[in-house]
Amino acid sequence: MVVERAYSNGGWLVRVNNGIAEVIINRPPLNLITLEMRRDLGKIISELEQDGSVRVVIFEGSGDRAFSAGGDVTEFLNTTPNDLIDWGKTIEAVESLSKPTIALLRGYVLGAGTELALACDIRLGTPDVEIGLPEIRLGMVPASGGLTRIVKALGPLRARYYLLLGRRMKAEEALQYGLLHEIVEPSRIYDRVMEIARDLMSLSPLALKALKETIRLIQD
């Protein structure tokens, strides 16, 4: 039985089916993430952590134009430092989820979208993916965990080039540097993500949880 719930006035849709939870950013075409959505994602992660029937969590964007092009710029002037700290804590909760997470990426993956994608364990993208933290172009600094993760992923020397210029990375570059694990054609990507999810479900949940915790300890 498929169970579907909406949050943030429909900004998030959560669909649970046979042990797989799909968390969908539902503000097409760009799937911009509002402050309300940032707060609700923490609630969603907490519920999924406690739901014993959920074994794998997939994050995706509605439509084919963007996973998420970032935060809603119209709200930036009203964003406080605490809002950014809270979003950072939410991203930490995604990364700390005891269940494996997969990001299904299409089109733009920018700003807050990049922060969310980098918090996932496995990332698959279509050939049109553009990923990056362009905040410097808005006179801002990525301040919710994405900066730390991308420097760890790329190394400080390479990260400087992308961060200081606010440069977007194309899919092939992202694959080369490990920000993407696979590039899959649009017509096949959903099936491929589900194939990986089912593979993960065949493995020991306890062992996967322990492995995730150990990897976090090593990288920190």
Protein backbone atom coordinates (compact mmCIF):
# COMPACT_ATOMS: atom_id res chain seq x y z
CA MET A 1 0.00 0.00 0.00
CA VAL A 2 1.29 3.45 -0.95
CA VAL A 3 1.10 6.09 1.78
CA GLU A 4 1.50 9.72 0.71
CA ARG A 5 1.78 12.80 2.94
CA ALA A 6 2.19 16.49 2.09
CA TYR A 7 4.12 19.12 4.07
CA SER A 8 4.67 22.88 3.68
CA ASN A 9 1.38 23.34 1.81
CA GLY A 10 2.45 20.68 -0.65
CA GLY A 11 6.05 21.90 -0.98
CA TRP A 12 7.18 18.44 0.10
CA LEU A 13 5.51 15.17 -0.84
CA VAL A 14 6.54 12.00 0.98
CA ARG A 15 5.52 8.72 -0.61
CA VAL A 16 6.20 5.40 1.17
CA ASN A 17 5.80 2.15 -0.75
CA ASN A 18 7.17 -1.29 0.17
CA GLY A 19 9.90 0.02 2.43
CA ILE A 20 11.08 2.80 0.09
CA ALA A 21 10.33 6.43 0.97
CA GLU A 22 10.44 9.08 -1.74
CA VAL A 23 10.88 12.64 -0.47
CA ILE A 24 9.88 14.92 -3.34
CA ILE A 25 10.61 18.65 -3.57
CA ASN A 26 7.31 19.73 -5.07
CA ARG A 27 7.65 23.33 -6.29
CA PRO A 28 8.23 23.01 -10.03
CA PRO A 29 9.74 24.14 -12.25
CA LEU A 30 12.78 25.10 -10.10
CA ASN A 31 11.77 23.46 -6.81
CA LEU A 32 12.96 26.38 -4.71
CA ILE A 33 13.18 25.53 -1.01
CA THR A 34 11.40 28.01 1.28
CA LEU A 35 12.13 28.65 4.96
CA GLU A 36 8.94 26.76 5.86
CA MET A 37 10.15 23.81 3.79
CA ARG A 38 13.53 23.87 5.52
CA ARG A 39 11.83 23.59 8.88
CA ASP A 40 9.48 20.83 7.73
CA LEU A 41 12.29 18.71 6.28
CA GLY A 42 13.61 18.21 9.81
CA LYS A 43 10.19 16.87 10.82
CA ILE A 44 10.13 14.57 7.78
CA ILE A 45 13.57 13.14 8.56
CA SER A 46 12.59 12.50 12.18
CA GLU A 47 9.44 10.65 11.09
CA LEU A 48 11.33 8.53 8.57
CA GLU A 49 13.99 7.66 11.14
CA GLN A 50 11.32 6.40 13.51
CA ASP A 51 9.32 4.53 10.86
CA GLY A 52 10.48 0.92 11.10
CA SER A 53 8.87 0.06 7.76
CA VAL A 54 11.16 2.46 5.86
CA ARG A 55 14.46 0.92 4.74
CA VAL A 56 15.69 3.33 2.03
CA VAL A 57 15.02 7.05 1.42
CA ILE A 58 15.13 8.70 -2.02
CA PHE A 59 15.27 12.48 -2.50
CA GLU A 60 14.10 13.91 -5.81
CA GLY A 61 12.63 17.02 -7.42
CA SER A 62 9.30 17.35 -9.16
CA GLY A 63 9.52 17.66 -12.94
CA ASP A 64 12.63 17.38 -15.09
CA ARG A 65 14.06 20.90 -14.94
CA ALA A 66 15.61 20.89 -11.46
CA PHE A 67 16.26 18.81 -8.38
CA SER A 68 16.34 22.20 -6.65
CA ALA A 69 17.79 25.48 -7.88
CA GLY A 70 18.30 26.51 -4.24
CA GLY A 71 16.54 28.67 -1.71
CA ASP A 72 13.77 31.12 -2.48
CA VAL A 73 15.67 34.37 -3.15
CA THR A 74 12.61 36.46 -2.27
CA GLU A 75 13.03 35.31 1.34
CA PHE A 76 16.75 36.01 1.65
CA LEU A 77 16.36 39.48 3.17
CA ASN A 78 14.28 37.96 5.95
CA THR A 79 16.67 35.07 6.57
CA THR A 80 18.40 35.23 9.95
CA PRO A 81 21.64 33.51 10.98
CA ASN A 82 19.51 31.15 13.08
CA ASP A 83 17.56 30.14 9.97
CA LEU A 84 20.81 29.11 8.30
CA ILE A 85 22.00 27.28 11.40
CA ASP A 86 18.69 25.40 11.59
CA TRP A 87 18.97 24.39 7.91
CA GLY A 88 22.50 23.19 8.60
CA LYS A 89 21.18 21.04 11.45
CA THR A 90 18.50 19.64 9.15
CA ILE A 91 21.14 18.74 6.56
CA GLU A 92 23.11 17.03 9.32
CA ALA A 93 19.97 15.04 10.15
CA VAL A 94 19.74 13.90 6.52
CA GLU A 95 23.38 12.80 6.59
CA SER A 96 22.92 11.11 9.98
CA LEU A 97 19.80 9.17 8.94
CA SER A 98 20.45 5.54 9.83
CA LYS A 99 18.89 4.39 6.55
CA PRO A 100 20.64 4.63 3.16
CA THR A 101 19.75 7.72 1.13
CA ILE A 102 19.80 8.23 -2.63
CA ALA A 103 19.57 11.55 -4.47
CA LEU A 104 17.91 11.43 -7.88
CA LEU A 105 19.20 14.56 -9.62
CA ARG A 106 17.91 16.29 -12.73
CA GLY A 107 18.82 19.70 -14.15
CA TYR A 108 19.75 22.42 -11.66
CA VAL A 109 21.21 21.31 -8.33
CA LEU A 110 22.26 24.60 -6.76
CA GLY A 111 22.67 26.19 -3.34
CA ALA A 112 20.37 24.51 -0.83
CA GLY A 113 19.74 21.80 -3.45
CA THR A 114 23.46 21.02 -3.54
CA GLU A 115 23.62 20.96 0.26
CA LEU A 116 20.78 18.44 0.38
CA ALA A 117 22.24 16.30 -2.43
CA LEU A 118 25.70 16.15 -0.82
CA ALA A 119 24.15 14.96 2.44
CA CYS A 120 22.85 11.84 0.66
CA ASP A 121 24.85 8.62 0.47
CA ILE A 122 24.46 7.93 -3.25
CA ARG A 123 23.85 10.46 -6.04
CA LEU A 124 22.63 9.64 -9.55
CA GLY A 125 22.08 12.33 -12.15
CA THR A 126 20.93 12.91 -15.70
CA PRO A 127 23.37 14.33 -18.31
CA ASP A 128 21.90 17.85 -17.92
CA VAL A 129 22.79 18.17 -14.22
CA GLU A 130 24.48 21.40 -13.11
CA ILE A 131 25.64 21.30 -9.50
CA GLY A 132 27.25 24.03 -7.43
CA LEU A 133 27.19 26.59 -4.65
CA PRO A 134 26.85 29.96 -6.46
CA GLU A 135 26.07 31.98 -3.30
CA ILE A 136 29.10 34.24 -3.80
CA ARG A 137 27.31 35.62 -6.88
CA LEU A 138 24.62 36.92 -4.51
CA GLY A 139 27.15 38.39 -2.07
CA MET A 140 26.69 35.43 0.28
CA VAL A 141 28.66 32.48 1.62
CA PRO A 142 27.25 28.92 1.78
CA ALA A 143 26.62 28.62 5.50
CA SER A 144 24.54 25.50 6.08
CA GLY A 145 27.02 22.68 5.70
CA GLY A 146 27.43 22.55 1.93
CA LEU A 147 30.70 24.47 2.09
CA THR A 148 32.23 21.90 4.45
CA ARG A 149 31.02 18.95 2.41
CA ILE A 150 32.19 20.26 -0.95
CA VAL A 151 35.65 21.14 0.40
CA LYS A 152 35.93 17.61 1.82
CA ALA A 153 34.74 16.13 -1.47
CA LEU A 154 36.92 18.20 -3.81
CA GLY A 155 39.85 19.08 -1.56
CA PRO A 156 40.57 22.73 -0.64
CA LEU A 157 42.66 23.59 -3.71
CA ARG A 158 40.07 22.49 -6.27
CA ALA A 159 37.15 23.71 -4.13
CA ARG A 160 38.51 27.27 -4.11
CA TYR A 161 38.12 27.49 -7.89
CA TYR A 162 34.45 26.48 -7.84
CA LEU A 163 33.48 28.37 -4.67
CA LEU A 164 35.26 31.69 -5.24
CA LEU A 165 33.88 31.94 -8.78
CA GLY A 166 30.48 30.49 -7.89
CA ARG A 167 31.07 28.08 -10.76
CA ARG A 168 28.59 25.37 -11.66
CA MET A 169 29.86 21.87 -12.36
CA LYS A 170 28.47 19.91 -15.31
CA ALA A 171 27.47 16.27 -14.94
CA GLU A 172 30.69 14.82 -16.39
CA GLU A 173 32.83 17.00 -14.12
CA ALA A 174 30.70 16.05 -11.13
CA LEU A 175 31.13 12.37 -12.00
CA GLN A 176 34.89 12.79 -12.34
CA TYR A 177 35.18 14.44 -8.91
CA GLY A 178 32.77 12.11 -7.10
CA LEU A 179 29.84 14.48 -6.61
CA LEU A 180 27.87 12.15 -8.88
CA HIS A 181 28.24 8.39 -8.75
CA GLU A 182 26.41 7.58 -11.98
CA ILE A 183 25.07 9.49 -14.99
CA VAL A 184 21.88 7.90 -16.34
CA GLU A 185 19.66 8.87 -19.26
CA PRO A 186 16.41 10.61 -18.19
CA SER A 187 14.20 7.77 -19.41
CA ARG A 188 16.07 5.26 -17.21
CA ILE A 189 17.12 7.15 -14.12
CA TYR A 190 14.06 6.45 -11.98
CA ASP A 191 14.26 2.72 -12.70
CA ARG A 192 18.00 2.72 -11.95
CA VAL A 193 17.45 4.49 -8.62
CA MET A 194 14.77 1.96 -7.70
CA GLU A 195 17.10 -0.88 -8.69
CA ILE A 196 19.75 0.45 -6.26
CA ALA A 197 17.10 0.98 -3.57
CA ARG A 198 15.94 -2.63 -3.86
CA ASP A 199 19.55 -3.82 -3.72
CA LEU A 200 20.07 -1.86 -0.49
CA MET A 201 16.87 -3.34 0.95
CA SER A 202 18.31 -6.82 0.48
CA LEU A 203 21.17 -5.98 2.87
CA SER A 204 21.26 -6.02 6.66
CA PRO A 205 19.76 -2.78 8.07
CA LEU A 206 21.92 -3.09 11.18
CA ALA A 207 25.10 -3.52 9.14
CA LEU A 208 24.18 -0.57 6.89
CA LYS A 209 23.54 1.62 9.94
CA ALA A 210 26.88 0.65 11.48
CA LEU A 211 28.69 1.22 8.19
CA LYS A 212 27.19 4.70 7.78
CA GLU A 213 28.17 5.65 11.33
CA THR A 214 31.71 4.37 10.79
CA ILE A 215 32.13 6.31 7.53
CA ARG A 216 31.01 9.52 9.29
CA LEU A 217 33.53 8.95 12.09
CA ILE A 218 36.33 8.39 9.56
CA GLN A 219 35.55 11.49 7.47
CA ASP A 220 35.21 13.75 10.54
